[in-house]
Amino acid sequence: MKSSVLEVDPKRYGRLLARKLPAVIRTEEENERLIAELEDLDRRHDELTPEEREYAELLTVLIEAFEDANYALEGSTPDSRLRSLMEEHGLRQRDLLDVFGSRGIASEVVSGKRAISKAQAKKLAALLHVPADLFL
């Protein structure tokens, strides 16, 4: 059991939950609302009570469950995930030269003609702030 759980006052946590009424996320609107609430908690991270920290963990679990169920990447490939993330971040192939070393290799990887190496996956993960295994 994590030490933060031991610090949580059950009565205070119960009152917090009663005010917030967290539940399984069923719609995109609910998901967006809880993401905004979690972001607010993240901004106040150093000031949170143990109960608020526990609530933030609960929100994370609820959000991840909804997103795993609704935004699954099943059937996607490392190159398609890379293209999607490039679009999301407004990047072009030339922006990946530090990762791949040449335009030719970048082009082959982005088009799916060449696999992404572990070293390249780590560099992409750092650049795009995602887990490296998305590219492997």
Protein backbone atom coordinates (compact mmCIF):
# COMPACT_ATOMS: atom_id res chain seq x y z
CA MET A 1 0.00 0.00 0.00
CA LYS A 2 1.30 3.43 -0.87
CA SER A 3 2.14 5.82 1.94
CA SER A 4 -0.20 8.52 0.54
CA VAL A 5 -3.16 6.17 1.03
CA LEU A 6 -2.29 5.87 4.72
CA GLU A 7 -2.42 9.64 5.13
CA VAL A 8 -5.94 9.94 3.72
CA ASP A 9 -8.58 10.78 6.29
CA PRO A 10 -11.57 8.59 5.35
CA LYS A 11 -14.14 11.11 6.59
CA ARG A 12 -12.58 14.02 4.69
CA TYR A 13 -12.16 11.86 1.59
CA GLY A 14 -15.79 10.73 1.88
CA ARG A 15 -16.97 14.35 2.05
CA LEU A 16 -14.85 15.20 -1.02
CA LEU A 17 -16.30 12.27 -2.96
CA ALA A 18 -19.83 13.20 -1.88
CA ARG A 19 -19.28 16.72 -3.25
CA LYS A 20 -17.70 15.56 -6.52
CA LEU A 21 -19.71 12.36 -7.12
CA PRO A 22 -17.14 10.66 -9.39
CA ALA A 23 -18.56 7.96 -11.64
CA VAL A 24 -17.72 5.88 -14.67
CA ILE A 25 -17.25 8.18 -17.65
CA ARG A 26 -19.78 7.49 -20.39
CA THR A 27 -19.59 10.53 -22.69
CA GLU A 28 -16.92 12.70 -24.26
CA GLU A 29 -18.36 15.70 -22.38
CA GLU A 30 -17.92 13.95 -19.02
CA ASN A 31 -14.39 12.99 -20.02
CA GLU A 32 -13.50 16.57 -20.96
CA ARG A 33 -14.98 17.88 -17.71
CA LEU A 34 -12.96 15.45 -15.61
CA ILE A 35 -9.79 16.14 -17.60
CA ALA A 36 -10.23 19.86 -16.86
CA GLU A 37 -10.76 19.06 -13.18
CA LEU A 38 -7.65 16.86 -13.12
CA GLU A 39 -5.62 19.59 -14.84
CA ASP A 40 -6.75 22.05 -12.16
CA LEU A 41 -5.60 19.63 -9.47
CA ASP A 42 -2.28 19.15 -11.30
CA ARG A 43 -1.71 22.93 -11.33
CA ARG A 44 -2.13 22.98 -7.55
CA HIS A 45 -0.10 19.79 -7.05
CA ASP A 46 2.09 21.06 -4.19
CA GLU A 47 -0.90 22.45 -2.31
CA LEU A 48 -3.15 19.36 -2.47
CA THR A 49 -4.37 17.60 0.61
CA PRO A 50 -3.85 13.82 0.78
CA GLU A 51 -7.56 13.44 0.03
CA GLU A 52 -7.29 15.60 -3.09
CA ARG A 53 -4.25 13.60 -4.22
CA GLU A 54 -6.25 10.40 -3.84
CA TYR A 55 -9.13 11.96 -5.76
CA ALA A 56 -6.72 12.97 -8.55
CA GLU A 57 -5.57 9.34 -8.78
CA LEU A 58 -9.19 8.22 -9.01
CA LEU A 59 -9.85 10.72 -11.82
CA THR A 60 -6.79 9.43 -13.65
CA VAL A 61 -8.08 5.86 -13.47
CA LEU A 62 -11.54 6.90 -14.69
CA ILE A 63 -10.14 8.96 -17.57
CA GLU A 64 -7.71 6.23 -18.64
CA ALA A 65 -10.48 3.62 -18.60
CA PHE A 66 -12.71 5.78 -20.80
CA GLU A 67 -9.92 6.64 -23.21
CA ASP A 68 -8.66 3.05 -23.43
CA ALA A 69 -12.18 1.92 -24.30
CA ASN A 70 -12.92 4.72 -26.76
CA TYR A 71 -9.60 5.61 -28.34
CA ALA A 72 -7.95 2.24 -28.66
CA LEU A 73 -5.05 2.13 -31.09
CA GLU A 74 -5.77 -1.48 -32.03
CA GLY A 75 -4.80 -2.23 -35.58
CA SER A 76 -2.59 0.81 -35.80
CA THR A 77 1.06 0.52 -36.70
CA PRO A 78 4.11 2.33 -35.33
CA ASP A 79 4.33 4.46 -38.48
CA SER A 80 0.61 5.36 -38.39
CA ARG A 81 0.92 6.34 -34.72
CA LEU A 82 3.97 8.44 -35.61
CA ARG A 83 2.07 10.18 -38.44
CA SER A 84 -0.86 10.85 -36.11
CA LEU A 85 1.41 12.32 -33.43
CA MET A 86 3.27 14.39 -36.02
CA GLU A 87 -0.02 15.86 -37.15
CA GLU A 88 -1.12 16.49 -33.58
CA HIS A 89 2.16 18.32 -32.84
CA GLY A 90 2.32 20.14 -36.18
CA LEU A 91 5.56 18.41 -37.19
CA ARG A 92 6.92 17.57 -40.63
CA GLN A 93 9.45 14.94 -41.62
CA ARG A 94 12.20 17.54 -41.64
CA ASP A 95 11.45 18.23 -37.96
CA LEU A 96 12.54 14.65 -37.22
CA LEU A 97 16.04 14.87 -38.69
CA ASP A 98 17.61 14.86 -35.22
CA VAL A 99 15.83 11.58 -34.56
CA PHE A 100 16.53 9.80 -37.85
CA GLY A 101 19.72 11.47 -39.08
CA SER A 102 18.65 11.93 -42.69
CA ARG A 103 15.66 12.90 -44.79
CA GLY A 104 15.74 9.53 -46.56
CA ILE A 105 15.50 7.51 -43.36
CA ALA A 106 12.82 9.85 -41.99
CA SER A 107 10.81 9.41 -45.19
CA GLU A 108 11.14 5.61 -45.11
CA VAL A 109 10.09 5.42 -41.46
CA VAL A 110 7.14 7.79 -41.80
CA SER A 111 5.90 5.92 -44.89
CA GLY A 112 6.22 2.55 -43.14
CA LYS A 113 8.97 1.23 -45.41
CA ARG A 114 11.49 1.06 -42.56
CA ALA A 115 10.99 -0.01 -38.95
CA ILE A 116 11.70 2.33 -36.06
CA SER A 117 14.74 1.27 -34.03
CA LYS A 118 14.74 1.22 -30.24
CA ALA A 119 17.10 4.22 -30.17
CA GLN A 120 14.83 6.15 -32.55
CA ALA A 121 11.76 5.16 -30.52
CA LYS A 122 13.37 6.60 -27.38
CA LYS A 123 14.17 9.86 -29.18
CA LEU A 124 10.64 10.08 -30.59
CA ALA A 125 9.18 9.37 -27.15
CA ALA A 126 11.20 12.22 -25.64
CA LEU A 127 10.26 14.58 -28.46
CA LEU A 128 6.55 13.74 -28.44
CA HIS A 129 6.15 13.06 -24.69
CA VAL A 130 4.75 9.55 -25.16
CA PRO A 131 5.94 6.04 -24.21
CA ALA A 132 8.63 4.64 -26.53
CA ASP A 133 6.74 1.37 -26.96
CA LEU A 134 4.19 3.18 -29.15
CA PHE A 135 6.80 3.03 -31.90
CA LEU A 136 8.03 -0.54 -31.43
